[in-house]
């Protein structure tokens, strides 16, 4: 292989980075402001813990190298965090708040490395801070917050490669992509995009060197634990992806995907990320980044049933690139007078949309505000809704559910309590029992949903008494000789399928419960 000279600047690349104290100071201030905003929102949360957060806490309590629906990196981070600071709602939401500040800083650095001035830096940070999907991702704990930061860091590493051809920059990119994939496998789309961008641009000559291939090996080694987990768990994640695409997100299509991108980034911000595409694809020196982002977009469209938020991480390159492009368009042209009004309108519209992604308003006020904006509740899973979008409805009812189950458990004779388990139809119900049930001394929750199915096996036995949430008595009598209705869970603001649920006490298993359990699981 041919070695690439170190620190050789390719033709056409200009040292446009603004490494000035003023520019750095702007980024630091806006990045700290971003984190402070999200910490404040976490402290003022109007609603409860989000369904997925209950599951992630359960995952953190079962540390492993993999889970049915996601790789382990974000869970390792959460596990370390909760061991130090506890798992209260406020505590776990400080993590994404801190990641929001870091992401704003890295996105701003990307704009600076593209030659952006003060206006471009501010426009980048405003676009990142106030984009509804970024607001949502940084408001709850999930792998999405870390995903945004790792994608932004990967794009910055790519710029380093384009400027220096330093092999170390390739190695850095490999490490970031490996960590990104170990956090969320969608990072593999970016890896595919980088390869496509290298092949389809003048950077294809880099493939004759060792550096890109070593970078790929580094990424693969870091991602290897999740591959091993899947090998030892019948490739559960592949089944999860297949089911989610064919069932859970069946209501999604390319039209909802593309229109959704406009909405989740704020329609007013559309000129920014569209200009970002133009900037990256029209300049030879940055075209690799543009092709990489375009490849990710094509992968998602080709998947047919895909959610618009899956494209959010790629916009950590588009938003700063677009801010630089707009700064240049405004400079010295007839549209210069629009420079400040556009930024102001972006800020005002972004603030106006905050209640749609951050629970800053009480329920009744939110419902009226939603109607005033002409919006209706949405679910990208095609689920029935009432007044609240799924993102909010999934924060209601969990404590009430655990309290109702605790009442049922308390009514059992001691001979039943020692062999009692609690069954939830999904990881939200099971997670609520495990999270809030600690206050009531409840036994472990079991569920067939995603990784709970594996965890539950250690508790399954044929002489159990099971408190079952939300399953019809007729269905239960196929497994148990006895199934009696003893309570009803009523939580009006929750998702409709989590409201008015019967709570049954089931005894005397028909046949082997473990055999039934091994045959039936729900991965989606």
Protein backbone atom coordinates (compact mmCIF):
# COMPACT_ATOMS: atom_id res chain seq x y z
CA UNK A 1 0.00 0.00 0.00
CA UNK A 2 1.05 3.59 -0.62
CA UNK A 3 1.69 5.68 2.46
CA UNK A 4 -0.07 9.04 2.66
CA UNK A 5 2.19 11.93 3.65
CA UNK A 6 1.41 13.31 7.07
CA UNK A 7 0.26 16.96 7.44
CA UNK A 8 -0.05 17.53 3.70
CA UNK A 9 -2.92 19.88 2.87
CA UNK A 10 -4.81 18.72 -0.24
CA UNK A 11 -5.30 21.08 -3.14
CA UNK A 12 -8.30 23.38 -2.76
CA UNK A 13 -8.50 23.19 1.03
CA UNK A 14 -8.14 26.55 2.74
CA UNK A 15 -7.33 27.06 6.40
CA UNK A 16 -10.64 28.83 7.10
CA UNK A 17 -10.97 27.93 10.78
CA UNK A 18 -11.57 30.90 13.06
CA UNK A 19 -9.59 29.91 16.12
CA UNK A 20 -10.03 33.36 17.63
CA UNK A 21 -10.69 34.00 21.32
CA UNK A 22 -13.90 35.77 20.30
CA UNK A 23 -15.22 32.77 18.34
CA UNK A 24 -14.18 30.32 21.03
CA UNK A 25 -15.82 32.45 23.67
CA UNK A 26 -19.11 32.54 21.75
CA UNK A 27 -19.12 28.74 21.51
CA UNK A 28 -18.35 28.28 25.19
CA UNK A 29 -21.09 30.66 26.28
CA UNK A 30 -23.73 29.18 23.98
CA UNK A 31 -22.74 25.61 24.87
CA UNK A 32 -22.97 26.27 28.60
CA UNK A 33 -26.28 28.05 27.99
CA UNK A 34 -27.60 24.98 26.18
CA UNK A 35 -26.77 22.70 29.09
CA UNK A 36 -28.21 25.15 31.63
CA UNK A 37 -31.45 25.41 29.65
CA UNK A 38 -31.91 21.63 29.63
CA UNK A 39 -30.98 21.24 33.30
CA UNK A 40 -33.58 23.91 34.10
CA UNK A 41 -36.20 22.12 32.02
CA UNK A 42 -35.38 18.87 33.83
CA UNK A 43 -35.93 20.59 37.17
CA UNK A 44 -39.26 22.06 36.02
CA UNK A 45 -40.65 18.90 34.39
CA UNK A 46 -44.45 18.96 34.49
CA UNK A 47 -44.99 15.29 33.64
CA UNK A 48 -43.50 12.04 34.89
CA UNK A 49 -40.80 9.66 33.80
CA UNK A 50 -40.84 8.56 30.16
CA UNK A 51 -41.64 4.94 29.27
CA UNK A 52 -38.25 4.32 27.66
CA UNK A 53 -36.41 5.81 30.66
CA UNK A 54 -37.99 3.14 32.86
CA UNK A 55 -36.60 0.49 30.52
CA UNK A 56 -33.14 2.05 30.33
CA UNK A 57 -32.94 2.15 34.13
CA UNK A 58 -33.91 -1.54 34.15
CA UNK A 59 -31.15 -2.17 31.59
CA UNK A 60 -28.66 -0.28 33.77
CA UNK A 61 -29.63 -2.60 36.62
CA UNK A 62 -28.81 -5.56 34.34
CA UNK A 63 -25.37 -4.57 32.93
CA UNK A 64 -24.46 -6.56 29.84
CA UNK A 65 -22.68 -6.23 26.50
CA UNK A 66 -25.96 -6.03 24.61
CA UNK A 67 -29.73 -5.76 24.69
CA UNK A 68 -32.43 -6.79 22.23
CA UNK A 69 -33.17 -3.28 20.99
CA UNK A 70 -29.89 -1.41 21.42
CA UNK A 71 -26.15 -1.75 22.02
CA UNK A 72 -24.78 -1.16 25.53
CA UNK A 73 -22.69 2.05 25.55
CA UNK A 74 -25.38 4.47 26.73
CA UNK A 75 -26.48 1.92 29.33
CA UNK A 76 -22.93 1.59 30.67
CA UNK A 77 -22.86 5.37 30.99
CA UNK A 78 -26.24 5.41 32.76
CA UNK A 79 -25.20 2.59 35.08
CA UNK A 80 -22.07 4.48 36.14
CA UNK A 81 -24.05 7.71 36.56
CA UNK A 82 -26.83 6.20 38.67
CA UNK A 83 -24.34 4.39 40.89
CA UNK A 84 -22.92 7.81 41.77
CA UNK A 85 -25.96 10.09 41.68
CA UNK A 86 -29.01 7.84 41.91
CA UNK A 87 -31.76 7.24 39.38
CA UNK A 88 -34.24 10.00 40.20
CA UNK A 89 -35.91 11.66 37.23
CA UNK A 90 -33.87 14.83 37.65
CA UNK A 91 -30.61 12.92 38.05
CA UNK A 92 -30.88 10.85 34.89
CA UNK A 93 -31.89 13.90 32.84
CA UNK A 94 -28.78 15.83 33.80
CA UNK A 95 -26.83 13.44 31.55
CA UNK A 96 -28.57 14.39 28.26
CA UNK A 97 -28.49 18.03 29.39
CA UNK A 98 -24.69 17.90 29.63
CA UNK A 99 -24.51 16.13 26.28
CA UNK A 100 -26.58 18.93 24.74
CA UNK A 101 -23.93 21.47 25.66
CA UNK A 102 -21.15 19.30 24.28
CA UNK A 103 -23.04 18.77 21.02
CA UNK A 104 -23.63 22.49 20.59
CA UNK A 105 -19.92 23.12 21.06
CA UNK A 106 -18.84 20.46 18.55
CA UNK A 107 -21.39 21.62 15.96
CA UNK A 108 -20.10 25.15 16.40
CA UNK A 109 -16.53 23.96 15.91
CA UNK A 110 -17.64 22.28 12.69
CA UNK A 111 -18.99 25.62 11.44
CA UNK A 112 -15.76 27.34 12.48
CA UNK A 113 -13.65 24.77 10.63
CA UNK A 114 -15.72 25.45 7.51
CA UNK A 115 -14.76 29.10 7.77
CA UNK A 116 -17.81 30.40 9.56
CA UNK A 117 -17.71 33.79 11.20
CA UNK A 118 -19.59 35.08 14.21
CA UNK A 119 -22.99 35.02 12.51
CA UNK A 120 -22.49 31.43 11.30
CA UNK A 121 -21.48 30.29 14.79
CA UNK A 122 -24.51 31.92 16.41
CA UNK A 123 -26.88 30.62 13.70
CA UNK A 124 -25.45 27.11 14.11
CA UNK A 125 -25.89 27.13 17.86
CA UNK A 126 -29.40 28.58 17.65
CA UNK A 127 -30.39 25.95 15.08
CA UNK A 128 -29.03 23.17 17.29
CA UNK A 129 -30.37 24.52 20.57
CA UNK A 130 -33.92 25.18 19.34
CA UNK A 131 -34.50 22.40 16.80
CA UNK A 132 -37.52 20.50 18.17
CA UNK A 133 -35.93 17.08 17.67
CA UNK A 134 -32.75 18.15 19.46
CA UNK A 135 -34.89 19.57 22.26
CA UNK A 136 -36.69 16.24 22.54
CA UNK A 137 -33.55 14.10 22.41
CA UNK A 138 -31.81 16.16 25.09
CA UNK A 139 -34.86 16.31 27.38
CA UNK A 140 -35.01 12.60 28.31
CA UNK A 141 -32.38 9.95 28.82
CA UNK A 142 -31.83 7.68 25.83
CA UNK A 143 -29.02 6.70 23.50
CA UNK A 144 -30.14 9.52 21.15
CA UNK A 145 -28.44 12.32 23.09
CA UNK A 146 -25.06 10.55 22.98
CA UNK A 147 -25.74 9.65 19.34
CA UNK A 148 -25.98 13.33 18.35
CA UNK A 149 -22.68 14.12 20.05
CA UNK A 150 -20.85 11.18 18.48
CA UNK A 151 -22.11 11.99 14.96
CA UNK A 152 -21.07 15.62 15.38
CA UNK A 153 -17.64 14.47 16.59
CA UNK A 154 -17.33 12.08 13.64
CA UNK A 155 -18.02 14.90 11.18
CA UNK A 156 -15.37 17.03 12.87
CA UNK A 157 -12.90 14.14 12.54
CA UNK A 158 -13.74 13.87 8.84
CA UNK A 159 -12.89 17.55 8.38
CA UNK A 160 -9.57 16.87 10.09
CA UNK A 161 -8.91 14.10 7.55
CA UNK A 162 -9.81 16.38 4.65
CA UNK A 163 -7.46 19.09 5.89
CA UNK A 164 -4.39 17.11 6.93
CA UNK A 165 -4.53 13.55 5.60
CA UNK A 166 -2.99 12.65 8.92
CA UNK A 167 -3.45 8.89 9.55
CA UNK A 168 -4.19 9.69 13.18
CA UNK A 169 -7.33 11.51 12.03
CA UNK A 170 -8.53 8.35 10.32
CA UNK A 171 -7.88 6.41 13.52
CA UNK A 172 -9.84 8.98 15.51
CA UNK A 173 -12.75 8.62 13.09
CA UNK A 174 -12.61 4.84 13.44
CA UNK A 175 -12.78 5.08 17.23
CA UNK A 176 -15.70 7.54 17.11
CA UNK A 177 -17.65 5.43 14.61
CA UNK A 178 -16.98 2.32 16.72
CA UNK A 179 -18.22 4.04 19.87
CA UNK A 180 -21.18 5.41 17.94
CA UNK A 181 -22.14 1.95 16.72
CA UNK A 182 -21.73 0.56 20.24
CA UNK A 183 -24.24 3.23 21.29
CA UNK A 184 -26.67 2.98 18.37
CA UNK A 185 -26.15 0.89 15.27
CA UNK A 186 -27.39 3.68 13.01
CA UNK A 187 -23.81 4.96 13.20
CA UNK A 188 -23.05 2.21 10.69
CA UNK A 189 -25.02 4.27 8.16
CA UNK A 190 -22.46 7.03 8.58
CA UNK A 191 -19.66 4.51 8.19
CA UNK A 192 -21.25 3.44 4.92
CA UNK A 193 -21.59 7.07 3.91
CA UNK A 194 -17.93 7.81 4.62
CA UNK A 195 -16.89 4.85 2.48
CA UNK A 196 -19.21 5.99 -0.33
CA UNK A 197 -17.91 9.54 -0.06
CA UNK A 198 -14.33 8.32 -0.24
CA UNK A 199 -14.99 6.14 -3.28
CA UNK A 200 -17.06 8.72 -5.17
CA UNK A 201 -14.75 11.71 -4.66
CA UNK A 202 -11.10 12.45 -5.28
CA UNK A 203 -10.38 11.05 -1.82
CA UNK A 204 -10.56 7.53 -3.28
CA UNK A 205 -6.76 7.66 -3.41
CA UNK A 206 -6.81 7.43 0.40
CA UNK A 207 -8.02 3.84 0.08
CA UNK A 208 -4.57 2.88 -1.21
CA UNK A 209 -3.17 3.66 2.22
CA UNK A 210 -3.47 1.66 5.42
CA UNK A 211 -5.13 4.38 7.50
CA UNK A 212 -8.79 4.03 6.37
CA UNK A 213 -8.66 0.25 6.68
CA UNK A 214 -7.10 0.41 10.14
CA UNK A 215 -9.84 2.88 11.07
CA UNK A 216 -12.43 0.35 9.92
CA UNK A 217 -10.77 -2.37 11.98
CA UNK A 218 -10.76 -0.12 15.05
CA UNK A 219 -14.46 0.57 14.62
CA UNK A 220 -15.17 -3.14 14.22
CA UNK A 221 -13.19 -4.11 17.33
CA UNK A 222 -15.01 -1.52 19.46
CA UNK A 223 -18.39 -2.69 18.09
CA UNK A 224 -17.46 -6.37 18.56
CA UNK A 225 -19.07 -6.86 22.02
CA UNK A 226 -22.52 -6.26 20.55
CA UNK A 227 -21.82 -8.65 17.71
CA UNK A 228 -20.81 -11.29 20.27
CA UNK A 229 -23.98 -10.65 22.28
CA UNK A 230 -26.12 -11.21 19.19
CA UNK A 231 -24.27 -14.41 18.32
CA UNK A 232 -25.05 -15.73 21.79
CA UNK A 233 -28.69 -14.54 21.76
CA UNK A 234 -29.93 -15.88 18.41
CA UNK A 235 -29.40 -12.52 16.67
CA UNK A 236 -32.22 -10.98 18.66
CA UNK A 237 -31.46 -7.48 17.40
CA UNK A 238 -31.99 -8.50 13.78
CA UNK A 239 -35.41 -9.88 14.71
CA UNK A 240 -36.13 -6.63 16.54
CA UNK A 241 -35.25 -4.54 13.46
CA UNK A 242 -37.33 -6.73 11.17
CA UNK A 243 -40.39 -6.55 13.42
CA UNK A 244 -40.07 -2.83 14.11
CA UNK A 245 -39.82 -1.99 10.42
CA UNK A 246 -42.64 -4.28 9.34
CA UNK A 247 -45.04 -3.70 12.24
CA UNK A 248 -44.25 -0.91 14.67
CA UNK A 249 -43.39 1.69 12.04
CA UNK A 250 -45.60 0.36 9.24
CA UNK A 251 -47.47 3.69 9.13
CA UNK A 252 -44.29 5.49 8.06
CA UNK A 253 -43.36 5.98 4.40
CA UNK A 254 -40.96 8.16 2.37
CA UNK A 255 -43.49 11.02 2.27
CA UNK A 256 -44.02 11.06 6.05
CA UNK A 257 -40.26 10.71 6.46
CA UNK A 258 -39.33 13.71 4.30
CA UNK A 259 -42.14 15.95 5.54
CA UNK A 260 -41.31 14.89 9.08
CA UNK A 261 -37.71 16.07 8.70
CA UNK A 262 -38.97 19.57 7.94
CA UNK A 263 -41.18 19.53 11.04
CA UNK A 264 -38.72 18.06 13.55
CA UNK A 265 -36.01 20.58 12.61
CA UNK A 266 -38.47 23.53 12.65
CA UNK A 267 -39.86 24.57 9.23
CA UNK A 268 -38.21 27.98 9.64
CA UNK A 269 -34.82 26.22 9.79
CA UNK A 270 -35.34 24.49 6.43
CA UNK A 271 -33.21 27.10 4.56
CA UNK A 272 -30.33 26.31 6.94
CA UNK A 273 -30.05 22.56 6.41
CA UNK A 274 -30.95 22.78 2.72
CA UNK A 275 -28.15 25.33 2.32
CA UNK A 276 -25.97 22.85 4.20
CA UNK A 277 -26.51 20.24 1.50
CA UNK A 278 -25.59 22.81 -1.14
CA UNK A 279 -22.47 23.94 0.69
CA UNK A 280 -21.11 20.43 1.22
CA UNK A 281 -21.94 19.02 -2.22
CA UNK A 282 -20.91 22.04 -4.27
CA UNK A 283 -17.42 22.32 -2.78
CA UNK A 284 -14.95 19.72 -3.87
CA UNK A 285 -12.96 19.93 -0.66
CA UNK A 286 -16.02 19.07 1.48
CA UNK A 287 -17.91 16.85 -0.93
CA UNK A 288 -17.01 13.67 0.96
CA UNK A 289 -19.09 14.93 3.91
CA UNK A 290 -21.97 15.85 1.61
CA UNK A 291 -21.95 12.44 -0.07
CA UNK A 292 -21.82 10.73 3.33
CA UNK A 293 -24.93 12.61 4.52
CA UNK A 294 -26.70 12.01 1.23
CA UNK A 295 -25.92 8.29 1.51
CA UNK A 296 -27.52 8.19 4.95
CA UNK A 297 -30.61 9.91 3.52
CA UNK A 298 -30.86 7.37 0.67
CA UNK A 299 -30.48 4.44 3.09
CA UNK A 300 -33.35 5.74 5.18
CA UNK A 301 -35.63 6.41 2.21
CA UNK A 302 -34.88 2.98 0.76
CA UNK A 303 -35.96 1.41 4.05
CA UNK A 304 -39.53 2.70 3.32
CA UNK A 305 -40.78 2.43 6.93
CA UNK A 306 -38.47 4.80 8.76
CA UNK A 307 -38.93 7.61 11.25
CA UNK A 308 -37.78 11.15 10.38
CA UNK A 309 -35.87 11.44 13.64
CA UNK A 310 -33.46 8.78 12.37
CA UNK A 311 -32.00 11.48 10.13
CA UNK A 312 -31.52 13.94 13.00
CA UNK A 313 -27.94 12.93 13.77
CA UNK A 314 -26.85 13.65 10.18
CA UNK A 315 -28.03 17.23 10.56
CA UNK A 316 -25.18 17.89 12.98
CA UNK A 317 -23.22 18.48 9.75
CA UNK A 318 -25.98 20.10 7.68
CA UNK A 319 -26.94 22.80 10.18
CA UNK A 320 -23.42 24.24 10.65
CA UNK A 321 -22.63 23.94 6.94
CA UNK A 322 -25.88 25.70 6.09
CA UNK A 323 -25.16 28.44 8.61
CA UNK A 324 -21.82 29.11 6.89
CA UNK A 325 -23.51 29.13 3.47
CA UNK A 326 -26.21 31.56 4.58
CA UNK A 327 -23.62 33.84 6.20
CA UNK A 328 -21.89 34.07 2.82
CA UNK A 329 -25.16 34.64 0.96
CA UNK A 330 -26.14 37.45 3.30
CA UNK A 331 -22.74 39.12 3.04
CA UNK A 332 -22.75 41.96 0.52
CA UNK A 333 -25.87 40.81 -1.37
CA UNK A 334 -29.30 42.31 -1.86
CA UNK A 335 -30.73 39.95 0.79
CA UNK A 336 -28.36 41.28 3.45
CA UNK A 337 -31.26 43.09 5.24
CA UNK A 338 -32.78 39.64 5.95
CA UNK A 339 -29.75 38.51 7.95
CA UNK A 340 -30.90 39.60 11.41
CA UNK A 341 -34.67 39.12 10.85
CA UNK A 342 -34.10 35.52 9.72
CA UNK A 343 -32.07 34.67 12.82
CA UNK A 344 -34.64 36.42 15.03
CA UNK A 345 -37.52 34.56 13.37
CA UNK A 346 -35.66 31.28 13.87
CA UNK A 347 -35.28 32.05 17.58
CA UNK A 348 -38.90 33.12 18.05
CA UNK A 349 -40.31 30.13 16.18
CA UNK A 350 -37.99 27.77 18.04
CA UNK A 351 -39.11 29.13 21.39
CA UNK A 352 -42.75 28.87 20.30
CA UNK A 353 -42.26 25.17 19.56
CA UNK A 354 -40.58 24.32 22.88
CA UNK A 355 -43.84 23.20 24.55
CA UNK A 356 -44.25 20.58 21.80
CA UNK A 357 -41.10 18.75 22.92
CA UNK A 358 -40.43 19.88 26.50
CA UNK A 359 -43.08 19.45 29.19
CA UNK A 360 -43.08 23.06 30.38
CA UNK A 361 -46.88 23.42 30.40
CA UNK A 362 -49.52 21.65 32.50
CA UNK A 363 -51.67 19.18 30.56
CA UNK A 364 -54.74 21.40 30.08
CA UNK A 365 -52.64 24.39 29.05
CA UNK A 366 -50.63 22.24 26.65
CA UNK A 367 -53.76 20.86 24.98
CA UNK A 368 -55.04 24.40 24.37
CA UNK A 369 -51.62 25.54 23.12
CA UNK A 370 -51.38 22.58 20.77
CA UNK A 371 -54.79 23.41 19.33
CA UNK A 372 -53.86 27.08 18.96
CA UNK A 373 -50.89 26.07 16.80
CA UNK A 374 -53.22 23.95 14.64
CA UNK A 375 -51.45 20.74 15.64
CA UNK A 376 -52.95 17.39 16.56
CA UNK A 377 -51.48 14.61 18.73
CA UNK A 378 -49.10 12.34 16.80
CA UNK A 379 -47.72 8.83 17.09
CA UNK A 380 -45.16 7.56 14.59
CA UNK A 381 -46.22 4.03 15.60
CA UNK A 382 -49.77 4.49 14.28
CA UNK A 383 -51.25 4.17 17.78
CA UNK A 384 -54.54 5.56 19.03
CA UNK A 385 -54.21 8.89 20.85
CA UNK A 386 -56.54 11.25 22.70
CA UNK A 387 -55.28 14.70 23.74
CA UNK A 388 -51.53 14.17 24.15
CA UNK A 389 -48.90 13.09 21.60
CA UNK A 390 -47.29 9.75 22.35
CA UNK A 391 -44.07 11.44 23.50
CA UNK A 392 -46.05 13.00 26.37
CA UNK A 393 -48.73 10.37 27.01
CA UNK A 394 -45.96 7.85 27.65
CA UNK A 395 -45.04 9.82 30.80
CA UNK A 396 -48.30 9.23 32.61
CA UNK A 397 -49.71 6.41 34.71
CA UNK A 398 -46.59 4.57 35.79
CA UNK A 399 -46.65 5.46 39.48
CA UNK A 400 -50.40 4.84 39.62
CA UNK A 401 -49.88 1.48 37.97
CA UNK A 402 -47.28 0.44 40.52
CA UNK A 403 -49.44 1.69 43.39
CA UNK A 404 -52.46 -0.29 42.17
CA UNK A 405 -50.37 -3.43 41.79
CA UNK A 406 -48.91 -2.85 45.25
CA UNK A 407 -52.42 -2.82 46.67
CA UNK A 408 -53.15 -6.14 45.02
CA UNK A 409 -49.87 -7.60 46.25
CA UNK A 410 -50.57 -6.44 49.81
CA UNK A 411 -53.92 -8.28 49.75
CA UNK A 412 -52.28 -11.64 49.00
CA UNK A 413 -51.71 -14.18 51.77
CA UNK A 414 -48.09 -14.59 52.81
CA UNK A 415 -47.96 -18.03 51.18
CA UNK A 416 -48.66 -16.35 47.81
CA UNK A 417 -46.35 -13.39 48.33
CA UNK A 418 -43.22 -15.54 48.63
CA UNK A 419 -43.83 -17.03 45.16
CA UNK A 420 -45.34 -13.97 43.48
CA UNK A 421 -44.19 -12.27 40.28
CA UNK A 422 -45.73 -9.36 38.37
CA UNK A 423 -46.30 -9.56 34.63
CA UNK A 424 -46.29 -6.51 32.34
CA UNK A 425 -47.21 -6.70 28.68
CA UNK A 426 -44.39 -4.37 27.69
CA UNK A 427 -41.17 -2.96 29.08
CA UNK A 428 -42.96 0.20 30.23
CA UNK A 429 -45.28 -1.71 32.53
CA UNK A 430 -42.54 -4.02 33.77
CA UNK A 431 -40.14 -1.10 34.18
CA UNK A 432 -42.72 0.87 36.17
CA UNK A 433 -43.20 -2.04 38.57
CA UNK A 434 -39.45 -2.43 39.06
CA UNK A 435 -38.78 1.34 39.40
CA UNK A 436 -41.67 2.45 41.60
CA UNK A 437 -42.19 -0.96 43.19
CA UNK A 438 -39.11 -0.45 45.34
CA UNK A 439 -41.21 1.88 47.50
CA UNK A 440 -43.75 -0.89 48.08
CA UNK A 441 -41.43 -3.89 48.35
CA UNK A 442 -42.84 -5.47 45.20
CA UNK A 443 -41.37 -8.69 43.74
CA UNK A 444 -39.60 -8.61 40.34
CA UNK A 445 -41.47 -7.78 37.18
CA UNK A 446 -41.41 -10.12 34.20
CA UNK A 447 -42.33 -9.45 30.59
CA UNK A 448 -41.97 -11.03 27.17
CA UNK A 449 -41.04 -7.66 25.67
CA UNK A 450 -37.49 -7.18 24.36
CA UNK A 451 -34.67 -7.85 26.85
CA UNK A 452 -37.10 -8.35 29.73
CA UNK A 453 -37.83 -11.73 28.13
CA UNK A 454 -34.27 -12.88 28.86
CA UNK A 455 -34.14 -11.39 32.35
CA UNK A 456 -37.46 -12.99 33.31
CA UNK A 457 -36.25 -16.56 32.77
CA UNK A 458 -34.38 -16.63 36.05
CA UNK A 459 -37.67 -16.02 37.89
CA UNK A 460 -39.97 -18.43 36.00
CA UNK A 461 -41.21 -21.46 37.98
CA UNK A 462 -44.36 -23.55 37.81
CA UNK A 463 -45.65 -22.86 41.31
CA UNK A 464 -45.72 -19.07 40.88
CA UNK A 465 -48.55 -16.71 41.62
CA UNK A 466 -48.54 -13.96 38.99
CA UNK A 467 -50.17 -10.55 39.15
CA UNK A 468 -50.93 -9.78 35.51
CA UNK A 469 -51.45 -6.28 34.11
CA UNK A 470 -53.81 -5.69 31.19
CA UNK A 471 -54.37 -9.20 29.77
CA UNK A 472 -57.87 -10.58 29.08
CA UNK A 473 -59.06 -13.30 31.41
CA UNK A 474 -59.90 -15.62 28.50
CA UNK A 475 -56.29 -15.45 27.29
CA UNK A 476 -54.93 -16.06 30.78
CA UNK A 477 -57.06 -19.18 31.24
CA UNK A 478 -55.12 -20.78 28.39
CA UNK A 479 -52.08 -20.73 30.70
CA UNK A 480 -53.56 -20.82 34.22
CA UNK A 481 -56.37 -22.75 35.87
CA UNK A 482 -57.27 -19.71 37.96
CA UNK A 483 -57.41 -16.04 36.88
CA UNK A 484 -59.38 -13.56 38.95
CA UNK A 485 -59.90 -9.83 38.32
CA UNK A 486 -59.07 -7.85 41.48
CA UNK A 487 -58.38 -4.22 40.42
CA UNK A 488 -58.50 -1.69 37.57
CA UNK A 489 -55.74 0.78 36.68
CA UNK A 490 -57.19 4.13 35.55
CA UNK A 491 -54.83 6.81 34.18
CA UNK A 492 -56.68 9.11 31.72
CA UNK A 493 -53.64 11.03 30.40
CA UNK A 494 -51.69 7.87 29.57
CA UNK A 495 -51.67 6.15 26.20
CA UNK A 496 -55.20 4.73 25.63
CA UNK A 497 -53.90 1.15 25.69
CA UNK A 498 -52.46 1.81 29.17
CA UNK A 499 -55.77 3.11 30.59
CA UNK A 500 -58.54 1.13 32.31
CA UNK A 501 -56.45 -2.01 32.62
CA UNK A 502 -57.63 -5.03 34.57
CA UNK A 503 -55.25 -6.48 37.14
CA UNK A 504 -55.57 -10.25 37.51
CA UNK A 505 -54.16 -12.69 40.03
CA UNK A 506 -53.28 -15.98 38.34
CA UNK A 507 -52.52 -19.35 39.95
CA UNK A 508 -51.98 -22.99 39.00
CA UNK A 509 -50.08 -23.15 35.72
CA UNK A 510 -51.33 -25.49 33.01
CA UNK A 511 -48.28 -27.54 32.02
CA UNK A 512 -44.79 -26.00 32.09
CA UNK A 513 -44.60 -22.21 32.30
CA UNK A 514 -40.96 -22.22 31.21
CA UNK A 515 -41.80 -24.13 28.03
CA UNK A 516 -44.48 -21.60 27.20
CA UNK A 517 -42.13 -18.73 28.02
CA UNK A 518 -39.38 -19.98 25.72
CA UNK A 519 -41.83 -20.21 22.81
CA UNK A 520 -43.24 -16.72 23.09
CA UNK A 521 -41.47 -13.38 23.07
CA UNK A 522 -42.11 -9.93 21.63
CA UNK A 523 -39.13 -8.15 20.05
CA UNK A 524 -40.13 -4.78 18.55
